Amino acid sequence: AAWVGTGQLSDDAIWFELSDNIFPTDFLGYETDTSEAQLQKLVKDEVEVASAKAGDKVQLIFNQTPFYAESGGQLGDQGYAQASDCLIQINDTKKFAGLFIHSGLVSTGSVEEGDSLSLFVDVARKNRIKANHSATHLLHEALRQLLGDHVAQRGSLNADDRLRFDFSHSSLLTNEEIHSI
């Protein structure tokens, strides 16, 4: 009775509104880890703003991006956005209604809606995440070979420093099974 929810729906209200007014983000991340992009929308404290300055925590929506958005247990990309007088550290990327939302901190300078910026994905981190994503597929196959075809994935986390693989099985694993896996 005391549970009031996560607040996610109220946080999403701004994205519903914005998704009605701009085109979806064009994802370039399968071809490149860098790109030029135009800043379509800038959000600060859940409110659309025209500009932001050094020290501001912001969320940015570009017309296109090489940043992979969190999906299927795989964390979103990190990296940075840069213009001649501005540097923005991108700490997370999520997707909502076709919009890639880049969360970050303006490190230096200022940025305005409509600005052109260069986007750079942290490739070393991305490669570690990709390796853990591949490892979840290998783990799933090992589980199916050892325990049977009934083993089904029920969730996962693919981060740069670890993976988590949730699965269903009819009994607890023995120490021998864990060692074999």
N, C-alpha and C. Protein backbone atom coordinates (compact mmCIF):
# COMPACT_ATOMS: atom_id res chain seq x y z
N ALA A 1 0.82 -1.20 0.00
CA ALA A 1 0.00 0.00 0.00
C ALA A 1 0.86 1.26 0.00
N ALA A 2 2.07 1.17 0.56
CA ALA A 2 2.93 2.34 0.64
C ALA A 2 3.71 2.60 -0.65
N TRP A 3 3.73 1.61 -1.56
CA TRP A 3 4.52 1.76 -2.78
C TRP A 3 3.91 2.85 -3.65
N VAL A 4 4.73 3.78 -4.08
CA VAL A 4 4.24 4.90 -4.90
C VAL A 4 4.79 4.84 -6.32
N GLY A 5 5.49 3.78 -6.65
CA GLY A 5 6.02 3.65 -8.00
C GLY A 5 7.45 4.13 -8.10
N THR A 6 7.99 3.98 -9.28
CA THR A 6 9.39 4.33 -9.50
C THR A 6 9.56 5.78 -9.92
N GLY A 7 8.48 6.42 -10.33
CA GLY A 7 8.59 7.77 -10.86
C GLY A 7 8.91 7.77 -12.35
N GLN A 8 9.10 6.59 -12.94
CA GLN A 8 9.48 6.48 -14.34
C GLN A 8 8.46 7.13 -15.27
N LEU A 9 7.17 6.93 -15.03
CA LEU A 9 6.17 7.51 -15.93
C LEU A 9 6.21 9.02 -15.93
N SER A 10 6.37 9.65 -14.76
CA SER A 10 6.45 11.10 -14.73
C SER A 10 7.72 11.59 -15.40
N ASP A 11 8.82 10.85 -15.25
CA ASP A 11 10.07 11.20 -15.92
C ASP A 11 9.94 11.09 -17.43
N ASP A 12 9.12 10.15 -17.90
CA ASP A 12 8.96 9.92 -19.33
C ASP A 12 8.08 10.96 -20.01
N ALA A 13 7.34 11.75 -19.26
CA ALA A 13 6.42 12.71 -19.86
C ALA A 13 7.12 13.64 -20.84
N ILE A 14 8.30 14.12 -20.51
CA ILE A 14 9.04 15.02 -21.40
C ILE A 14 9.39 14.33 -22.71
N TRP A 15 9.70 13.03 -22.65
CA TRP A 15 10.09 12.31 -23.87
C TRP A 15 8.90 12.05 -24.76
N PHE A 16 7.72 11.78 -24.16
CA PHE A 16 6.49 11.66 -24.96
C PHE A 16 6.25 12.95 -25.74
N GLU A 17 6.36 14.05 -25.04
CA GLU A 17 6.13 15.36 -25.64
C GLU A 17 7.13 15.64 -26.77
N LEU A 18 8.40 15.41 -26.50
CA LEU A 18 9.43 15.68 -27.51
C LEU A 18 9.32 14.75 -28.71
N SER A 19 8.96 13.49 -28.47
CA SER A 19 8.89 12.53 -29.58
C SER A 19 7.79 12.89 -30.57
N ASP A 20 6.82 13.67 -30.15
CA ASP A 20 5.76 14.13 -31.05
C ASP A 20 6.22 15.27 -31.94
N ASN A 21 7.33 15.92 -31.58
CA ASN A 21 7.73 17.14 -32.26
C ASN A 21 9.02 17.05 -33.08
N ILE A 22 9.75 15.94 -33.00
CA ILE A 22 10.98 15.80 -33.77
C ILE A 22 11.06 14.41 -34.38
N PHE A 23 11.90 14.28 -35.38
CA PHE A 23 12.09 12.99 -36.03
C PHE A 23 12.91 12.07 -35.13
N PRO A 24 12.71 10.76 -35.25
CA PRO A 24 13.53 9.81 -34.49
C PRO A 24 15.01 9.98 -34.81
N THR A 25 15.85 9.59 -33.86
CA THR A 25 17.30 9.66 -34.03
C THR A 25 17.75 8.59 -35.01
N ASP A 26 18.62 8.95 -35.94
CA ASP A 26 19.20 8.00 -36.88
C ASP A 26 20.41 7.36 -36.21
N PHE A 27 20.36 6.03 -36.00
CA PHE A 27 21.45 5.32 -35.33
C PHE A 27 22.51 4.90 -36.34
N LEU A 28 23.75 5.32 -36.10
CA LEU A 28 24.88 5.05 -37.00
C LEU A 28 25.88 4.07 -36.40
N GLY A 29 25.61 3.60 -35.19
CA GLY A 29 26.60 2.85 -34.42
C GLY A 29 27.03 1.51 -34.96
N TYR A 30 26.30 0.94 -35.93
CA TYR A 30 26.76 -0.31 -36.52
C TYR A 30 27.86 -0.05 -37.55
N GLU A 31 27.96 1.18 -38.03
CA GLU A 31 28.95 1.52 -39.05
C GLU A 31 30.12 2.34 -38.50
N THR A 32 29.91 3.11 -37.43
CA THR A 32 30.94 4.04 -36.98
C THR A 32 30.83 4.29 -35.48
N ASP A 33 31.93 4.74 -34.89
CA ASP A 33 31.96 5.12 -33.47
C ASP A 33 32.09 6.62 -33.29
N THR A 34 32.10 7.36 -34.41
CA THR A 34 32.15 8.82 -34.37
C THR A 34 31.21 9.37 -35.43
N SER A 35 30.72 10.57 -35.20
CA SER A 35 29.90 11.23 -36.23
C SER A 35 29.73 12.70 -35.89
N GLU A 36 29.32 13.43 -36.89
CA GLU A 36 28.89 14.81 -36.70
C GLU A 36 27.38 14.74 -36.50
N ALA A 37 26.85 15.62 -35.66
CA ALA A 37 25.41 15.59 -35.40
C ALA A 37 24.93 16.98 -35.03
N GLN A 38 23.65 17.20 -35.26
CA GLN A 38 23.03 18.46 -34.86
C GLN A 38 22.19 18.20 -33.61
N LEU A 39 22.35 19.08 -32.63
CA LEU A 39 21.59 18.98 -31.39
C LEU A 39 20.16 19.43 -31.64
N GLN A 40 19.22 18.48 -31.55
CA GLN A 40 17.81 18.79 -31.80
C GLN A 40 17.12 19.33 -30.55
N LYS A 41 17.39 18.67 -29.41
CA LYS A 41 16.73 19.07 -28.17
C LYS A 41 17.71 18.93 -27.01
N LEU A 42 17.54 19.81 -26.03
CA LEU A 42 18.38 19.88 -24.85
C LEU A 42 17.46 19.93 -23.64
N VAL A 43 17.67 19.02 -22.69
CA VAL A 43 16.81 18.94 -21.50
C VAL A 43 17.68 19.05 -20.26
N LYS A 44 17.21 19.86 -19.31
CA LYS A 44 17.90 20.02 -18.02
C LYS A 44 16.82 19.98 -16.94
N ASP A 45 17.03 19.14 -15.93
CA ASP A 45 16.06 18.99 -14.83
C ASP A 45 14.64 18.73 -15.35
N GLU A 46 14.55 17.82 -16.36
CA GLU A 46 13.29 17.38 -16.94
C GLU A 46 12.50 18.49 -17.64
N VAL A 47 13.20 19.56 -18.05
CA VAL A 47 12.58 20.68 -18.75
C VAL A 47 13.41 20.98 -19.99
N GLU A 48 12.75 21.17 -21.12
CA GLU A 48 13.46 21.54 -22.34
C GLU A 48 14.03 22.94 -22.17
N VAL A 49 15.32 23.09 -22.53
CA VAL A 49 15.99 24.39 -22.42
C VAL A 49 16.66 24.70 -23.76
N ALA A 50 16.97 25.97 -23.98
CA ALA A 50 17.61 26.39 -25.23
C ALA A 50 19.12 26.25 -25.17
N SER A 51 19.70 26.31 -23.95
CA SER A 51 21.16 26.24 -23.83
C SER A 51 21.55 25.69 -22.47
N ALA A 52 22.83 25.32 -22.37
CA ALA A 52 23.39 24.85 -21.10
C ALA A 52 24.86 25.26 -21.06
N LYS A 53 25.39 25.36 -19.84
CA LYS A 53 26.77 25.81 -19.66
C LYS A 53 27.55 24.82 -18.79
N ALA A 54 28.84 25.07 -18.68
CA ALA A 54 29.72 24.20 -17.89
C ALA A 54 29.13 23.97 -16.51
N GLY A 55 29.13 22.70 -16.09
CA GLY A 55 28.60 22.31 -14.79
C GLY A 55 27.18 21.80 -14.84
N ASP A 56 26.47 22.02 -15.95
CA ASP A 56 25.08 21.58 -16.08
C ASP A 56 25.00 20.10 -16.43
N LYS A 57 24.12 19.38 -15.74
CA LYS A 57 23.78 18.01 -16.11
C LYS A 57 22.65 18.11 -17.12
N VAL A 58 22.83 17.47 -18.26
CA VAL A 58 21.88 17.62 -19.36
C VAL A 58 21.56 16.28 -20.01
N GLN A 59 20.50 16.31 -20.79
CA GLN A 59 20.16 15.20 -21.67
C GLN A 59 20.00 15.80 -23.06
N LEU A 60 20.63 15.16 -24.02
CA LEU A 60 20.71 15.70 -25.37
C LEU A 60 20.12 14.72 -26.37
N ILE A 61 19.42 15.26 -27.36
CA ILE A 61 18.90 14.45 -28.46
C ILE A 61 19.47 15.03 -29.74
N PHE A 62 20.20 14.19 -30.47
CA PHE A 62 20.81 14.60 -31.74
C PHE A 62 20.01 14.01 -32.90
N ASN A 63 20.20 14.58 -34.08
CA ASN A 63 19.53 14.04 -35.26
C ASN A 63 20.06 12.65 -35.62
N GLN A 64 21.32 12.38 -35.29
CA GLN A 64 21.92 11.08 -35.54
C GLN A 64 22.97 10.82 -34.47
N THR A 65 23.31 9.54 -34.28
CA THR A 65 24.27 9.20 -33.22
C THR A 65 24.95 7.86 -33.47
N PRO A 66 26.23 7.75 -33.08
CA PRO A 66 26.88 6.44 -33.07
C PRO A 66 26.73 5.74 -31.72
N PHE A 67 26.11 6.39 -30.74
CA PHE A 67 25.97 5.86 -29.38
C PHE A 67 24.86 4.81 -29.33
N TYR A 68 25.21 3.60 -28.90
CA TYR A 68 24.23 2.53 -28.71
C TYR A 68 23.44 2.82 -27.44
N ALA A 69 22.12 2.72 -27.53
CA ALA A 69 21.25 2.95 -26.36
C ALA A 69 21.05 1.65 -25.60
N GLU A 70 20.93 1.76 -24.28
CA GLU A 70 20.69 0.59 -23.43
C GLU A 70 19.54 -0.23 -23.99
N SER A 71 19.78 -1.53 -24.11
CA SER A 71 18.75 -2.40 -24.66
C SER A 71 19.11 -3.85 -24.38
N GLY A 72 18.12 -4.65 -24.08
CA GLY A 72 18.32 -6.08 -23.93
C GLY A 72 19.36 -6.46 -22.90
N GLY A 73 19.52 -5.66 -21.87
CA GLY A 73 20.50 -5.95 -20.83
C GLY A 73 21.87 -5.37 -21.11
N GLN A 74 22.06 -4.81 -22.30
CA GLN A 74 23.35 -4.20 -22.63
C GLN A 74 23.31 -2.72 -22.28
N LEU A 75 24.29 -2.28 -21.50
CA LEU A 75 24.34 -0.88 -21.09
C LEU A 75 24.56 0.04 -22.28
N GLY A 76 24.08 1.27 -22.16
CA GLY A 76 24.25 2.26 -23.20
C GLY A 76 25.68 2.77 -23.26
N ASP A 77 26.04 3.27 -24.45
CA ASP A 77 27.39 3.78 -24.65
C ASP A 77 27.66 5.05 -23.87
N GLN A 78 28.94 5.25 -23.61
CA GLN A 78 29.47 6.48 -23.02
C GLN A 78 30.50 7.07 -23.99
N GLY A 79 30.90 8.30 -23.73
CA GLY A 79 31.90 8.95 -24.57
C GLY A 79 31.81 10.45 -24.38
N TYR A 80 31.91 11.21 -25.46
CA TYR A 80 31.80 12.66 -25.33
C TYR A 80 31.31 13.30 -26.62
N ALA A 81 30.79 14.51 -26.47
CA ALA A 81 30.37 15.36 -27.58
C ALA A 81 31.21 16.62 -27.51
N GLN A 82 31.65 17.11 -28.68
CA GLN A 82 32.57 18.23 -28.67
C GLN A 82 32.26 19.20 -29.81
N ALA A 83 32.36 20.47 -29.48
CA ALA A 83 32.34 21.55 -30.47
C ALA A 83 33.57 22.39 -30.18
N SER A 84 33.78 23.44 -30.96
CA SER A 84 35.02 24.22 -30.81
C SER A 84 35.23 24.75 -29.40
N ASP A 85 34.16 25.16 -28.74
CA ASP A 85 34.30 25.74 -27.39
C ASP A 85 33.50 24.98 -26.34
N CYS A 86 33.18 23.72 -26.61
CA CYS A 86 32.32 22.97 -25.69
C CYS A 86 32.75 21.51 -25.64
N LEU A 87 32.73 20.93 -24.43
CA LEU A 87 32.97 19.51 -24.24
C LEU A 87 31.89 18.98 -23.30
N ILE A 88 31.22 17.93 -23.73
CA ILE A 88 30.16 17.31 -22.92
C ILE A 88 30.53 15.85 -22.72
N GLN A 89 30.68 15.44 -21.46
CA GLN A 89 30.94 14.04 -21.13
C GLN A 89 29.61 13.30 -21.17
N ILE A 90 29.47 12.29 -22.04
CA ILE A 90 28.25 11.49 -22.13
C ILE A 90 28.42 10.28 -21.22
N ASN A 91 27.54 10.17 -20.21
CA ASN A 91 27.64 9.12 -19.20
C ASN A 91 26.70 7.95 -19.42
N ASP A 92 25.68 8.13 -20.27
CA ASP A 92 24.72 7.06 -20.52
C ASP A 92 23.91 7.41 -21.76
N THR A 93 23.40 6.37 -22.40
CA THR A 93 22.53 6.55 -23.57
C THR A 93 21.35 5.61 -23.43
N LYS A 94 20.15 6.16 -23.54
CA LYS A 94 18.92 5.38 -23.47
C LYS A 94 18.08 5.72 -24.69
N LYS A 95 17.06 4.92 -24.94
CA LYS A 95 16.20 5.15 -26.08
C LYS A 95 14.76 5.21 -25.62
N PHE A 96 14.03 6.17 -26.15
CA PHE A 96 12.61 6.30 -25.82
C PHE A 96 11.88 6.81 -27.05
N ALA A 97 10.89 6.06 -27.50
CA ALA A 97 10.05 6.45 -28.64
C ALA A 97 10.88 6.89 -29.84
N GLY A 98 11.95 6.14 -30.13
CA GLY A 98 12.77 6.44 -31.29
C GLY A 98 13.82 7.51 -31.07
N LEU A 99 13.84 8.10 -29.88
CA LEU A 99 14.81 9.14 -29.57
C LEU A 99 15.95 8.55 -28.73
N PHE A 100 17.19 8.82 -29.13
CA PHE A 100 18.34 8.40 -28.34
C PHE A 100 18.66 9.56 -27.39
N ILE A 101 18.59 9.29 -26.10
CA ILE A 101 18.76 10.30 -25.08
C ILE A 101 20.15 10.13 -24.46
N HIS A 102 21.01 11.12 -24.69
CA HIS A 102 22.39 11.10 -24.21
C HIS A 102 22.45 11.91 -22.91
N SER A 103 22.72 11.25 -21.80
CA SER A 103 22.81 11.94 -20.51
C SER A 103 24.26 12.28 -20.24
N GLY A 104 24.50 13.52 -19.82
CA GLY A 104 25.88 13.90 -19.60
C GLY A 104 26.05 15.17 -18.81
N LEU A 105 27.29 15.62 -18.76
CA LEU A 105 27.69 16.81 -18.02
C LEU A 105 28.46 17.72 -18.96
N VAL A 106 28.05 18.99 -19.02
CA VAL A 106 28.80 19.96 -19.80
C VAL A 106 30.07 20.26 -19.01
N SER A 107 31.21 19.83 -19.55
CA SER A 107 32.49 19.99 -18.85
C SER A 107 33.08 21.38 -19.05
N THR A 108 33.04 21.85 -20.29
CA THR A 108 33.56 23.18 -20.58
C THR A 108 32.68 23.86 -21.61
N GLY A 109 32.66 25.18 -21.57
CA GLY A 109 31.94 25.97 -22.56
C GLY A 109 30.43 25.91 -22.39
N SER A 110 29.74 26.11 -23.50
CA SER A 110 28.28 26.08 -23.48
C SER A 110 27.78 25.46 -24.78
N VAL A 111 26.53 25.05 -24.77
CA VAL A 111 25.92 24.41 -25.93
C VAL A 111 24.51 24.95 -26.09
N GLU A 112 24.08 25.07 -27.35
CA GLU A 112 22.73 25.56 -27.65
C GLU A 112 22.03 24.61 -28.60
N GLU A 113 20.71 24.54 -28.48
CA GLU A 113 19.91 23.77 -29.41
C GLU A 113 20.24 24.24 -30.83
N GLY A 114 20.43 23.29 -31.73
CA GLY A 114 20.78 23.62 -33.10
C GLY A 114 22.27 23.54 -33.39
N ASP A 115 23.10 23.50 -32.34
CA ASP A 115 24.56 23.42 -32.52
C ASP A 115 24.95 22.11 -33.21
N SER A 116 26.03 22.17 -33.97
CA SER A 116 26.64 20.97 -34.53
C SER A 116 27.77 20.54 -33.62
N LEU A 117 27.81 19.25 -33.31
CA LEU A 117 28.85 18.70 -32.44
C LEU A 117 29.42 17.43 -33.06
N SER A 118 30.63 17.11 -32.66
CA SER A 118 31.25 15.84 -33.03
C SER A 118 31.01 14.88 -31.87
N LEU A 119 30.55 13.66 -32.19
CA LEU A 119 30.25 12.66 -31.17
C LEU A 119 31.29 11.54 -31.23
N PHE A 120 31.78 11.13 -30.05
CA PHE A 120 32.82 10.12 -29.96
C PHE A 120 32.43 9.09 -28.89
N VAL A 121 32.27 7.84 -29.30
CA VAL A 121 31.96 6.75 -28.38
C VAL A 121 33.26 6.27 -27.73
N ASP A 122 33.20 5.93 -26.45
CA ASP A 122 34.34 5.31 -25.75
C ASP A 122 34.46 3.87 -26.28
N VAL A 123 35.32 3.68 -27.27
CA VAL A 123 35.42 2.41 -27.98
C VAL A 123 35.96 1.30 -27.08
N ALA A 124 36.92 1.59 -26.23
CA ALA A 124 37.49 0.56 -25.34
C ALA A 124 36.39 0.01 -24.43
N ARG A 125 35.56 0.88 -23.85
CA ARG A 125 34.46 0.44 -22.99
C ARG A 125 33.45 -0.35 -23.80
N LYS A 126 33.10 0.16 -24.98
CA LYS A 126 32.14 -0.52 -25.84
C LYS A 126 32.61 -1.94 -26.18
N ASN A 127 33.90 -2.09 -26.47
CA ASN A 127 34.43 -3.41 -26.81
C ASN A 127 34.36 -4.37 -25.63
N ARG A 128 34.57 -3.87 -24.41
CA ARG A 128 34.43 -4.74 -23.22
C ARG A 128 32.98 -5.17 -23.05
N ILE A 129 32.04 -4.28 -23.29
CA ILE A 129 30.61 -4.62 -23.21
C ILE A 129 30.26 -5.65 -24.28
N LYS A 130 30.76 -5.45 -25.49
CA LYS A 130 30.49 -6.40 -26.57
C LYS A 130 31.04 -7.78 -26.24
N ALA A 131 32.21 -7.82 -25.62
CA ALA A 131 32.80 -9.11 -25.22
C ALA A 131 31.92 -9.80 -24.19
N ASN A 132 31.42 -9.05 -23.23
CA ASN A 132 30.53 -9.65 -22.23
C ASN A 132 29.20 -10.07 -22.86
N HIS A 133 28.73 -9.33 -23.85
CA HIS A 133 27.51 -9.72 -24.56
C HIS A 133 27.73 -11.04 -25.29
N SER A 134 28.85 -11.18 -25.96
CA SER A 134 29.18 -12.45 -26.62
C SER A 134 29.29 -13.58 -25.60
N ALA A 135 29.87 -13.28 -24.45
CA ALA A 135 30.03 -14.30 -23.41
C ALA A 135 28.68 -14.79 -22.89
N THR A 136 27.66 -13.93 -22.86
CA THR A 136 26.34 -14.40 -22.42
C THR A 136 25.79 -15.45 -23.39
N HIS A 137 26.05 -15.28 -24.69
CA HIS A 137 25.59 -16.27 -25.67
C HIS A 137 26.36 -17.59 -25.49
N LEU A 138 27.65 -17.49 -25.23
CA LEU A 138 28.44 -18.70 -25.00
C LEU A 138 27.99 -19.41 -23.72
N LEU A 139 27.72 -18.63 -22.67
CA LEU A 139 27.24 -19.20 -21.42
C LEU A 139 25.89 -19.89 -21.62
N HIS A 140 25.00 -19.25 -22.36
CA HIS A 140 23.68 -19.83 -22.61
C HIS A 140 23.83 -21.18 -23.32
N GLU A 141 24.69 -21.24 -24.32
CA GLU A 141 24.91 -22.50 -25.04
C GLU A 141 25.52 -23.56 -24.12
N ALA A 142 26.47 -23.17 -23.28
CA ALA A 142 27.08 -24.12 -22.35
C ALA A 142 26.03 -24.68 -21.38
N LEU A 143 25.15 -23.81 -20.90
CA LEU A 143 24.09 -24.26 -20.00
C LEU A 143 23.16 -25.24 -20.70
N ARG A 144 22.80 -24.96 -21.93
CA ARG A 144 21.90 -25.84 -22.68
C ARG A 144 22.58 -27.19 -22.96
N GLN A 145 23.86 -27.17 -23.27
CA GLN A 145 24.57 -28.43 -23.54
C GLN A 145 24.68 -29.29 -22.28
N LEU A 146 24.95 -28.63 -21.15
CA LEU A 146 25.15 -29.37 -19.90
C LEU A 146 23.84 -29.76 -19.23
N LEU A 147 22.87 -28.83 -19.21
CA LEU A 147 21.65 -29.04 -18.43
C LEU A 147 20.45 -29.46 -19.28
N GLY A 148 20.47 -29.15 -20.56
CA GLY A 148 19.36 -29.52 -21.45
C GLY A 148 18.77 -28.33 -22.19
N ASP A 149 18.02 -28.64 -23.23
CA ASP A 149 17.43 -27.62 -24.09
C ASP A 149 16.34 -26.80 -23.41
N HIS A 150 15.89 -27.23 -22.24
CA HIS A 150 14.84 -26.50 -21.52
C HIS A 150 15.36 -25.21 -20.87
N VAL A 151 16.69 -25.07 -20.74
CA VAL A 151 17.27 -23.88 -20.12
C VAL A 151 16.92 -22.67 -21.00
N ALA A 152 16.34 -21.66 -20.35
CA ALA A 152 15.93 -20.46 -21.09
C ALA A 152 16.46 -19.21 -20.39
N GLN A 153 16.92 -18.27 -21.19
CA GLN A 153 17.38 -16.99 -20.64
C GLN A 153 16.19 -16.23 -20.08
N ARG A 154 16.39 -15.61 -18.91
CA ARG A 154 15.32 -14.83 -18.27
C ARG A 154 15.76 -13.40 -17.99
N GLY A 155 16.93 -13.04 -18.47
CA GLY A 155 17.44 -11.69 -18.28
C GLY A 155 18.95 -11.71 -18.33
N SER A 156 19.52 -10.52 -18.48
CA SER A 156 20.98 -10.42 -18.48
C SER A 156 21.40 -8.98 -18.26
N LEU A 157 22.65 -8.82 -17.92
CA LEU A 157 23.28 -7.51 -17.84
C LEU A 157 24.63 -7.65 -18.53
N ASN A 158 24.87 -6.76 -19.48
CA ASN A 158 26.16 -6.73 -20.16
C ASN A 158 26.78 -5.37 -19.89
N ALA A 159 27.73 -5.33 -18.97
CA ALA A 159 28.43 -4.11 -18.59
C ALA A 159 29.87 -4.21 -19.06
N ASP A 160 30.63 -3.16 -18.85
CA ASP A 160 32.03 -3.19 -19.27
C ASP A 160 32.90 -3.99 -18.32
N ASP A 161 32.44 -4.21 -17.09
CA ASP A 161 33.26 -4.90 -16.10
C ASP A 161 32.67 -6.23 -15.62
N ARG A 162 31.52 -6.62 -16.15
CA ARG A 162 30.90 -7.86 -15.70
C ARG A 162 29.71 -8.21 -16.59
N LEU A 163 29.25 -9.44 -16.44
CA LEU A 163 27.98 -9.84 -17.04
C LEU A 163 27.17 -10.58 -15.98
N ARG A 164 25.88 -10.54 -16.17
CA ARG A 164 24.96 -11.33 -15.34
C ARG A 164 24.04 -12.05 -16.30
N PHE A 165 23.80 -13.32 -16.05
CA PHE A 165 22.94 -14.10 -16.92
C PHE A 165 21.91 -14.81 -16.06
N ASP A 166 20.66 -14.47 -16.21
CA ASP A 166 19.57 -15.09 -15.46
C ASP A 166 18.95 -16.17 -16.35
N PHE A 167 18.68 -17.32 -15.77
CA PHE A 167 18.10 -18.41 -16.56
C PHE A 167 17.19 -19.26 -15.68
N SER A 168 16.32 -20.00 -16.36
CA SER A 168 15.42 -20.92 -15.66
C SER A 168 15.96 -22.34 -15.81
N HIS A 169 15.80 -23.09 -14.71
CA HIS A 169 16.20 -24.49 -14.69
C HIS A 169 15.39 -25.14 -13.57
N SER A 170 15.17 -26.43 -13.69
CA SER A 170 14.26 -27.12 -12.76
C SER A 170 14.84 -27.43 -11.39
N SER A 171 16.14 -27.24 -11.17
CA SER A 171 16.73 -27.54 -9.87
C SER A 171 17.97 -26.68 -9.64
N LEU A 172 18.46 -26.72 -8.40
CA LEU A 172 19.70 -26.02 -8.09
C LEU A 172 20.87 -26.67 -8.82
N LEU A 173 21.86 -25.88 -9.17
CA LEU A 173 23.06 -26.43 -9.79
C LEU A 173 23.95 -27.07 -8.73
N THR A 174 24.54 -28.18 -9.08
CA THR A 174 25.51 -28.81 -8.17
C THR A 174 26.86 -28.11 -8.36
N ASN A 175 27.77 -28.32 -7.43
CA ASN A 175 29.12 -27.76 -7.56
C ASN A 175 29.80 -28.29 -8.81
N GLU A 176 29.56 -29.57 -9.13
CA GLU A 176 30.16 -30.16 -10.33
C GLU A 176 29.64 -29.48 -11.59
N GLU A 177 28.34 -29.21 -11.64
CA GLU A 177 27.76 -28.53 -12.79
C GLU A 177 28.31 -27.12 -12.94
N ILE A 178 28.44 -26.42 -11.83
CA ILE A 178 28.99 -25.07 -11.87
C ILE A 178 30.41 -25.09 -12.40
N HIS A 179 31.21 -26.05 -11.94
CA HIS A 179 32.58 -26.18 -12.41
C HIS A 179 32.61 -26.52 -13.91
N SER A 180 31.74 -27.37 -14.35
CA SER A 180 31.69 -27.74 -15.78
C SER A 180 31.29 -26.55 -16.66
N ILE A 181 30.36 -25.76 -16.18
CA ILE A 181 29.92 -24.58 -16.93
C ILE A 181 31.05 -23.61 -17.09
